[in-house]
Protein backbone atom coordinates (compact mmCIF):
# COMPACT_ATOMS: atom_id res chain seq x y z
CA UNK A 1 -12.00 36.10 63.69
CA UNK A 2 -15.71 35.78 64.38
CA UNK A 3 -16.33 39.14 62.69
CA UNK A 4 -14.07 38.33 59.75
CA UNK A 5 -15.11 34.73 59.10
CA UNK A 6 -17.59 33.05 61.45
CA UNK A 7 -18.15 32.01 65.05
CA UNK A 8 -17.23 28.45 64.13
CA UNK A 9 -13.91 29.60 62.66
CA UNK A 10 -13.19 31.65 65.79
CA UNK A 11 -13.92 28.66 68.01
CA UNK A 12 -11.78 26.36 65.87
CA UNK A 13 -8.91 28.86 65.99
CA UNK A 14 -9.25 29.13 69.74
CA UNK A 15 -9.02 25.35 69.99
CA UNK A 16 -6.08 25.15 67.57
CA UNK A 17 -4.00 27.60 69.60
CA UNK A 18 -5.28 26.11 72.85
CA UNK A 19 -6.38 29.50 74.17
CA UNK A 20 -7.43 28.72 77.72
CA UNK A 21 -7.39 31.70 78.80
CA UNK A 22 -3.75 32.66 79.19
CA UNK A 23 -2.49 33.63 75.74
CA UNK A 24 1.25 33.82 75.17
CA UNK A 25 0.87 37.46 74.01
CA UNK A 26 -1.68 40.17 74.75
CA UNK A 27 -3.01 41.22 71.35
CA UNK A 28 -6.43 39.61 71.50
CA UNK A 29 -8.42 42.70 70.57
CA UNK A 30 -8.05 45.66 68.25
CA UNK A 31 -7.69 47.87 71.32
CA UNK A 32 -4.62 45.90 72.42
CA UNK A 33 -3.05 44.94 69.09
CA UNK A 34 -0.64 47.28 67.36
CA UNK A 35 -1.54 48.62 63.92
CA UNK A 36 1.22 46.44 62.44
CA UNK A 37 -0.26 43.33 64.10
CA UNK A 38 -3.72 44.22 62.82
CA UNK A 39 -2.43 44.66 59.24
CA UNK A 40 -0.53 41.37 59.43
CA UNK A 41 -3.58 39.49 60.73
CA UNK A 42 -5.72 40.89 57.91
CA UNK A 43 -3.05 39.90 55.39
CA UNK A 44 -3.00 36.34 56.77
CA UNK A 45 -6.77 36.03 56.46
CA UNK A 46 -6.93 37.52 52.99
CA UNK A 47 -4.51 34.91 51.73
CA UNK A 48 -6.33 32.04 53.48
CA UNK A 49 -9.87 32.86 52.38
């Protein structure tokens, strides 16, 4: 999110999902996320911005 929006937005998102540091799924980087997850995340952000 930091690259897409801002560091502040990334930090707020981390707080909102209470990432500390054991996420419920392991898709926290492009290297780990599936192409479908990446497309979906981009779609979410495009509609929110």
